[in-house]
Amino acid sequence: MSGPHEDDEVTGQEPPEVPGGAEGAGAPPGGAGGGGAPPEGDGDRERLIEAAAGAFRGRDPDGNIQAHPAWYDLDEAGRAEAYERARALRAVEAALDPEGLSTTARAVLARILGAGRR
């Protein structure tokens, strides 16, 4: 559970692929300020938005949750779109869940309950 290449701890799914691979996933492209090179086409932009909107979040070696690497490759409008899409996806997940929980809520609960067992 410590790296961005791990399976999602809640769903058991692999994280979505990002154009260009996950090399350097711990650091934003284009330097410390983030805002890497803009996507080259609508297909790339759509894949980045979809990846950033997904529930998977990697962790650094200390267990801190990291932004999805695709987030750094999106401009402000792309990030806003990814945020809105993520909100919609979490609502659908909660509606489909027997307990009304999204994958995010399940991950938070798992961490809280897991922290009590240490």
N, C-alpha and C. Protein backbone atom coordinates (compact mmCIF):
# COMPACT_ATOMS: atom_id res chain seq x y z
N MET A 1 0.81 -1.20 0.00
CA MET A 1 0.00 0.00 0.00
C MET A 1 0.84 1.26 0.00
N SER A 2 2.10 1.15 -0.36
CA SER A 2 2.93 2.33 -0.22
C SER A 2 3.28 3.00 -1.54
N GLY A 3 2.93 2.43 -2.66
CA GLY A 3 3.36 3.04 -3.91
C GLY A 3 2.22 3.25 -4.88
N PRO A 4 2.44 4.10 -5.86
CA PRO A 4 1.39 4.39 -6.83
C PRO A 4 1.10 3.23 -7.77
N HIS A 5 1.89 2.15 -7.69
CA HIS A 5 1.69 1.03 -8.60
C HIS A 5 0.95 -0.12 -7.92
N GLU A 6 0.55 0.06 -6.67
CA GLU A 6 -0.16 -0.97 -5.92
C GLU A 6 -1.60 -1.07 -6.42
N ASP A 7 -2.24 -2.24 -6.18
CA ASP A 7 -3.67 -2.38 -6.45
C ASP A 7 -4.43 -1.45 -5.52
N ASP A 8 -5.60 -1.01 -5.95
CA ASP A 8 -6.46 -0.19 -5.11
C ASP A 8 -6.86 -1.03 -3.90
N GLU A 9 -6.64 -0.52 -2.69
CA GLU A 9 -6.88 -1.30 -1.49
C GLU A 9 -8.35 -1.58 -1.24
N VAL A 10 -9.24 -0.85 -1.87
CA VAL A 10 -10.66 -1.06 -1.65
C VAL A 10 -11.25 -1.98 -2.71
N THR A 11 -10.99 -1.70 -3.97
CA THR A 11 -11.63 -2.44 -5.04
C THR A 11 -10.79 -3.57 -5.58
N GLY A 12 -9.48 -3.58 -5.29
CA GLY A 12 -8.59 -4.59 -5.82
C GLY A 12 -8.26 -4.38 -7.28
N GLN A 13 -8.59 -3.22 -7.82
CA GLN A 13 -8.34 -2.94 -9.23
C GLN A 13 -7.01 -2.24 -9.41
N GLU A 14 -6.44 -2.45 -10.58
CA GLU A 14 -5.24 -1.74 -10.95
C GLU A 14 -5.58 -0.27 -11.18
N PRO A 15 -4.65 0.65 -10.90
CA PRO A 15 -4.92 2.05 -11.22
C PRO A 15 -5.01 2.23 -12.73
N PRO A 16 -5.76 3.23 -13.19
CA PRO A 16 -5.86 3.46 -14.63
C PRO A 16 -4.52 3.86 -15.21
N GLU A 17 -4.30 3.47 -16.45
CA GLU A 17 -3.06 3.83 -17.13
C GLU A 17 -3.09 5.31 -17.50
N VAL A 18 -1.93 5.91 -17.44
CA VAL A 18 -1.78 7.31 -17.80
C VAL A 18 -0.91 7.38 -19.04
N PRO A 19 -1.28 8.22 -20.03
CA PRO A 19 -0.44 8.34 -21.21
C PRO A 19 1.00 8.65 -20.80
N GLY A 20 1.94 7.94 -21.40
CA GLY A 20 3.34 8.16 -21.09
C GLY A 20 3.83 7.29 -19.95
N GLY A 21 2.97 6.48 -19.34
CA GLY A 21 3.37 5.60 -18.26
C GLY A 21 3.44 6.32 -16.94
N ALA A 22 3.84 5.57 -15.92
CA ALA A 22 3.86 6.12 -14.57
C ALA A 22 5.27 6.48 -14.12
N GLU A 23 6.21 6.56 -15.04
CA GLU A 23 7.56 6.93 -14.67
C GLU A 23 7.53 8.30 -14.01
N GLY A 24 8.23 8.42 -12.92
CA GLY A 24 8.29 9.70 -12.24
C GLY A 24 6.97 10.09 -11.61
N ALA A 25 6.15 9.11 -11.24
CA ALA A 25 4.82 9.41 -10.72
C ALA A 25 4.87 10.18 -9.42
N GLY A 26 5.96 10.12 -8.69
CA GLY A 26 6.03 10.82 -7.42
C GLY A 26 6.29 12.30 -7.55
N ALA A 27 6.73 12.76 -8.70
CA ALA A 27 7.03 14.17 -8.89
C ALA A 27 6.23 14.72 -10.05
N PRO A 28 5.74 15.94 -9.92
CA PRO A 28 4.97 16.50 -11.03
C PRO A 28 5.87 16.77 -12.22
N PRO A 29 5.37 16.50 -13.44
CA PRO A 29 6.15 16.81 -14.63
C PRO A 29 6.40 18.31 -14.73
N GLY A 30 7.51 18.67 -15.28
CA GLY A 30 7.78 20.08 -15.52
C GLY A 30 8.31 20.82 -14.31
N GLY A 31 8.76 20.12 -13.28
CA GLY A 31 9.35 20.80 -12.15
C GLY A 31 8.46 20.80 -10.93
N ALA A 32 8.95 21.45 -9.88
CA ALA A 32 8.28 21.41 -8.59
C ALA A 32 6.93 22.09 -8.58
N GLY A 33 6.67 23.00 -9.49
CA GLY A 33 5.41 23.72 -9.48
C GLY A 33 4.26 22.97 -10.09
N GLY A 34 4.49 21.79 -10.66
CA GLY A 34 3.42 21.05 -11.31
C GLY A 34 3.10 21.67 -12.65
N GLY A 35 1.92 21.36 -13.17
CA GLY A 35 1.50 21.94 -14.44
C GLY A 35 2.39 21.51 -15.58
N GLY A 36 2.55 20.21 -15.76
CA GLY A 36 3.40 19.68 -16.82
C GLY A 36 2.89 20.08 -18.19
N ALA A 37 3.47 19.50 -19.20
CA ALA A 37 3.09 19.81 -20.58
C ALA A 37 1.62 19.48 -20.79
N PRO A 38 0.90 20.35 -21.47
CA PRO A 38 -0.52 20.06 -21.71
C PRO A 38 -0.68 18.84 -22.61
N PRO A 39 -1.78 18.12 -22.46
CA PRO A 39 -2.02 16.96 -23.32
C PRO A 39 -2.03 17.37 -24.78
N GLU A 40 -1.59 16.45 -25.65
CA GLU A 40 -1.45 16.79 -27.06
C GLU A 40 -2.75 16.76 -27.83
N GLY A 41 -3.72 15.96 -27.42
CA GLY A 41 -4.96 15.89 -28.16
C GLY A 41 -6.13 15.63 -27.24
N ASP A 42 -7.34 15.68 -27.81
CA ASP A 42 -8.54 15.47 -27.01
C ASP A 42 -8.55 14.08 -26.38
N GLY A 43 -8.05 13.07 -27.10
CA GLY A 43 -8.01 11.72 -26.55
C GLY A 43 -7.10 11.64 -25.34
N ASP A 44 -5.92 12.27 -25.43
CA ASP A 44 -5.00 12.30 -24.29
C ASP A 44 -5.63 13.04 -23.12
N ARG A 45 -6.25 14.17 -23.40
CA ARG A 45 -6.88 14.97 -22.34
C ARG A 45 -7.98 14.16 -21.66
N GLU A 46 -8.79 13.48 -22.44
CA GLU A 46 -9.87 12.68 -21.88
C GLU A 46 -9.32 11.55 -21.00
N ARG A 47 -8.25 10.89 -21.44
CA ARG A 47 -7.64 9.82 -20.63
C ARG A 47 -7.08 10.37 -19.33
N LEU A 48 -6.47 11.55 -19.39
CA LEU A 48 -5.93 12.16 -18.17
C LEU A 48 -7.05 12.53 -17.20
N ILE A 49 -8.13 13.09 -17.72
CA ILE A 49 -9.27 13.45 -16.86
C ILE A 49 -9.85 12.20 -16.23
N GLU A 50 -10.03 11.16 -17.02
CA GLU A 50 -10.59 9.90 -16.50
C GLU A 50 -9.68 9.31 -15.42
N ALA A 51 -8.38 9.33 -15.65
CA ALA A 51 -7.44 8.79 -14.66
C ALA A 51 -7.46 9.61 -13.37
N ALA A 52 -7.46 10.93 -13.50
CA ALA A 52 -7.46 11.80 -12.33
C ALA A 52 -8.77 11.70 -11.55
N ALA A 53 -9.87 11.42 -12.23
CA ALA A 53 -11.18 11.33 -11.58
C ALA A 53 -11.40 9.99 -10.89
N GLY A 54 -10.61 9.00 -11.23
CA GLY A 54 -10.78 7.68 -10.63
C GLY A 54 -10.50 7.67 -9.14
N ALA A 55 -10.90 6.60 -8.47
CA ALA A 55 -10.77 6.51 -7.02
C ALA A 55 -9.35 6.17 -6.56
N PHE A 56 -8.52 5.61 -7.43
CA PHE A 56 -7.19 5.19 -7.02
C PHE A 56 -6.32 6.38 -6.63
N ARG A 57 -5.65 6.26 -5.51
CA ARG A 57 -4.64 7.22 -5.09
C ARG A 57 -3.46 6.44 -4.55
N GLY A 58 -2.29 6.73 -5.08
CA GLY A 58 -1.08 6.08 -4.58
C GLY A 58 -0.67 6.68 -3.24
N ARG A 59 0.31 6.06 -2.65
CA ARG A 59 0.82 6.55 -1.36
C ARG A 59 2.33 6.67 -1.45
N ASP A 60 2.87 7.63 -0.70
CA ASP A 60 4.31 7.76 -0.63
C ASP A 60 4.83 6.73 0.39
N PRO A 61 6.15 6.62 0.56
CA PRO A 61 6.70 5.62 1.49
C PRO A 61 6.20 5.77 2.93
N ASP A 62 5.76 6.97 3.30
CA ASP A 62 5.24 7.19 4.66
C ASP A 62 3.74 6.91 4.77
N GLY A 63 3.11 6.52 3.66
CA GLY A 63 1.69 6.20 3.68
C GLY A 63 0.78 7.38 3.39
N ASN A 64 1.35 8.53 3.05
CA ASN A 64 0.54 9.70 2.73
C ASN A 64 -0.09 9.56 1.35
N ILE A 65 -1.35 9.92 1.24
CA ILE A 65 -2.06 9.83 -0.03
C ILE A 65 -1.52 10.89 -0.99
N GLN A 66 -1.32 10.48 -2.23
CA GLN A 66 -0.78 11.36 -3.27
C GLN A 66 -1.83 11.67 -4.32
N ALA A 67 -1.72 12.81 -4.95
CA ALA A 67 -2.58 13.12 -6.10
C ALA A 67 -2.21 12.15 -7.22
N HIS A 68 -3.18 11.84 -8.06
CA HIS A 68 -2.89 10.97 -9.20
C HIS A 68 -1.92 11.71 -10.12
N PRO A 69 -0.93 11.03 -10.69
CA PRO A 69 0.03 11.69 -11.58
C PRO A 69 -0.63 12.45 -12.73
N ALA A 70 -1.77 11.97 -13.21
CA ALA A 70 -2.46 12.65 -14.31
C ALA A 70 -2.89 14.06 -13.93
N TRP A 71 -3.15 14.29 -12.65
CA TRP A 71 -3.59 15.60 -12.17
C TRP A 71 -2.61 16.69 -12.59
N TYR A 72 -1.32 16.38 -12.52
CA TYR A 72 -0.28 17.37 -12.81
C TYR A 72 -0.17 17.69 -14.29
N ASP A 73 -0.71 16.83 -15.14
CA ASP A 73 -0.64 17.05 -16.58
C ASP A 73 -1.86 17.79 -17.12
N LEU A 74 -2.82 18.09 -16.26
CA LEU A 74 -4.02 18.80 -16.68
C LEU A 74 -3.90 20.29 -16.39
N ASP A 75 -4.50 21.09 -17.27
CA ASP A 75 -4.57 22.52 -16.99
C ASP A 75 -5.71 22.77 -16.01
N GLU A 76 -5.95 24.03 -15.66
CA GLU A 76 -6.97 24.36 -14.67
C GLU A 76 -8.36 23.86 -15.08
N ALA A 77 -8.70 24.02 -16.34
CA ALA A 77 -10.01 23.57 -16.82
C ALA A 77 -10.12 22.05 -16.75
N GLY A 78 -9.05 21.35 -17.09
CA GLY A 78 -9.04 19.89 -17.02
C GLY A 78 -9.16 19.39 -15.59
N ARG A 79 -8.50 20.09 -14.66
CA ARG A 79 -8.60 19.71 -13.25
C ARG A 79 -10.02 19.93 -12.73
N ALA A 80 -10.64 21.03 -13.14
CA ALA A 80 -12.02 21.30 -12.72
C ALA A 80 -12.96 20.21 -13.27
N GLU A 81 -12.73 19.81 -14.51
CA GLU A 81 -13.56 18.76 -15.11
C GLU A 81 -13.33 17.42 -14.39
N ALA A 82 -12.08 17.12 -14.07
CA ALA A 82 -11.78 15.88 -13.35
C ALA A 82 -12.45 15.88 -11.97
N TYR A 83 -12.43 17.02 -11.30
CA TYR A 83 -13.06 17.14 -9.99
C TYR A 83 -14.57 16.88 -10.08
N GLU A 84 -15.22 17.51 -11.05
CA GLU A 84 -16.67 17.33 -11.20
C GLU A 84 -17.00 15.89 -11.58
N ARG A 85 -16.18 15.30 -12.43
CA ARG A 85 -16.41 13.90 -12.81
C ARG A 85 -16.22 12.98 -11.60
N ALA A 86 -15.21 13.26 -10.78
CA ALA A 86 -14.99 12.46 -9.58
C ALA A 86 -16.17 12.55 -8.63
N ARG A 87 -16.71 13.75 -8.46
CA ARG A 87 -17.90 13.91 -7.60
C ARG A 87 -19.06 13.07 -8.12
N ALA A 88 -19.27 13.10 -9.42
CA ALA A 88 -20.36 12.32 -10.02
C ALA A 88 -20.12 10.82 -9.86
N LEU A 89 -18.88 10.38 -10.07
CA LEU A 89 -18.55 8.96 -9.93
C LEU A 89 -18.74 8.48 -8.49
N ARG A 90 -18.31 9.28 -7.52
CA ARG A 90 -18.48 8.88 -6.12
C ARG A 90 -19.96 8.78 -5.76
N ALA A 91 -20.79 9.66 -6.33
CA ALA A 91 -22.24 9.60 -6.07
C ALA A 91 -22.83 8.31 -6.65
N VAL A 92 -22.38 7.93 -7.85
CA VAL A 92 -22.86 6.69 -8.46
C VAL A 92 -22.41 5.49 -7.63
N GLU A 93 -21.14 5.49 -7.22
CA GLU A 93 -20.63 4.39 -6.39
C GLU A 93 -21.46 4.24 -5.11
N ALA A 94 -21.74 5.36 -4.46
CA ALA A 94 -22.52 5.32 -3.22
C ALA A 94 -23.94 4.81 -3.48
N ALA A 95 -24.52 5.21 -4.60
CA ALA A 95 -25.88 4.77 -4.94
C ALA A 95 -25.93 3.26 -5.20
N LEU A 96 -24.86 2.71 -5.73
CA LEU A 96 -24.82 1.28 -6.03
C LEU A 96 -24.40 0.41 -4.84
N ASP A 97 -23.81 1.03 -3.84
CA ASP A 97 -23.30 0.30 -2.69
C ASP A 97 -24.44 -0.01 -1.71
N PRO A 98 -24.52 -1.26 -1.21
CA PRO A 98 -25.59 -1.61 -0.27
C PRO A 98 -25.60 -0.75 1.00
N GLU A 99 -24.43 -0.25 1.39
CA GLU A 99 -24.35 0.59 2.59
C GLU A 99 -24.30 2.08 2.24
N GLY A 100 -24.40 2.40 0.96
CA GLY A 100 -24.40 3.80 0.54
C GLY A 100 -23.05 4.48 0.62
N LEU A 101 -21.97 3.69 0.52
CA LEU A 101 -20.62 4.24 0.63
C LEU A 101 -19.92 4.25 -0.72
N SER A 102 -19.18 5.31 -0.97
CA SER A 102 -18.34 5.37 -2.16
C SER A 102 -17.03 4.64 -1.87
N THR A 103 -16.23 4.42 -2.91
CA THR A 103 -14.92 3.79 -2.69
C THR A 103 -14.05 4.67 -1.80
N THR A 104 -14.20 5.98 -1.92
CA THR A 104 -13.44 6.89 -1.07
C THR A 104 -13.83 6.70 0.39
N ALA A 105 -15.14 6.65 0.66
CA ALA A 105 -15.60 6.44 2.04
C ALA A 105 -15.11 5.11 2.58
N ARG A 106 -15.13 4.07 1.76
CA ARG A 106 -14.65 2.76 2.20
C ARG A 106 -13.15 2.80 2.51
N ALA A 107 -12.38 3.50 1.68
CA ALA A 107 -10.94 3.60 1.92
C ALA A 107 -10.65 4.35 3.21
N VAL A 108 -11.38 5.42 3.46
CA VAL A 108 -11.19 6.19 4.70
C VAL A 108 -11.54 5.33 5.91
N LEU A 109 -12.67 4.64 5.85
CA LEU A 109 -13.07 3.77 6.96
C LEU A 109 -12.04 2.66 7.19
N ALA A 110 -11.53 2.08 6.11
CA ALA A 110 -10.53 1.02 6.24
C ALA A 110 -9.29 1.54 6.93
N ARG A 111 -8.88 2.76 6.60
CA ARG A 111 -7.69 3.34 7.24
C ARG A 111 -7.96 3.64 8.71
N ILE A 112 -9.14 4.16 9.01
CA ILE A 112 -9.48 4.45 10.41
C ILE A 112 -9.52 3.16 11.23
N LEU A 113 -10.22 2.17 10.71
CA LEU A 113 -10.33 0.90 11.43
C LEU A 113 -8.99 0.19 11.52
N GLY A 114 -8.19 0.30 10.47
CA GLY A 114 -6.85 -0.31 10.47
C GLY A 114 -5.92 0.36 11.45
N ALA A 115 -6.06 1.68 11.63
CA ALA A 115 -5.21 2.43 12.55
C ALA A 115 -5.45 1.99 13.99
N GLY A 116 -6.67 1.57 14.30
CA GLY A 116 -6.99 1.14 15.65
C GLY A 116 -6.41 -0.22 16.00
N ARG A 117 -5.92 -0.94 15.01
CA ARG A 117 -5.38 -2.29 15.24
C ARG A 117 -3.87 -2.31 15.41
N ARG A 118 -3.23 -1.18 15.33
CA ARG A 118 -1.76 -1.14 15.41
C ARG A 118 -1.25 -1.35 16.80
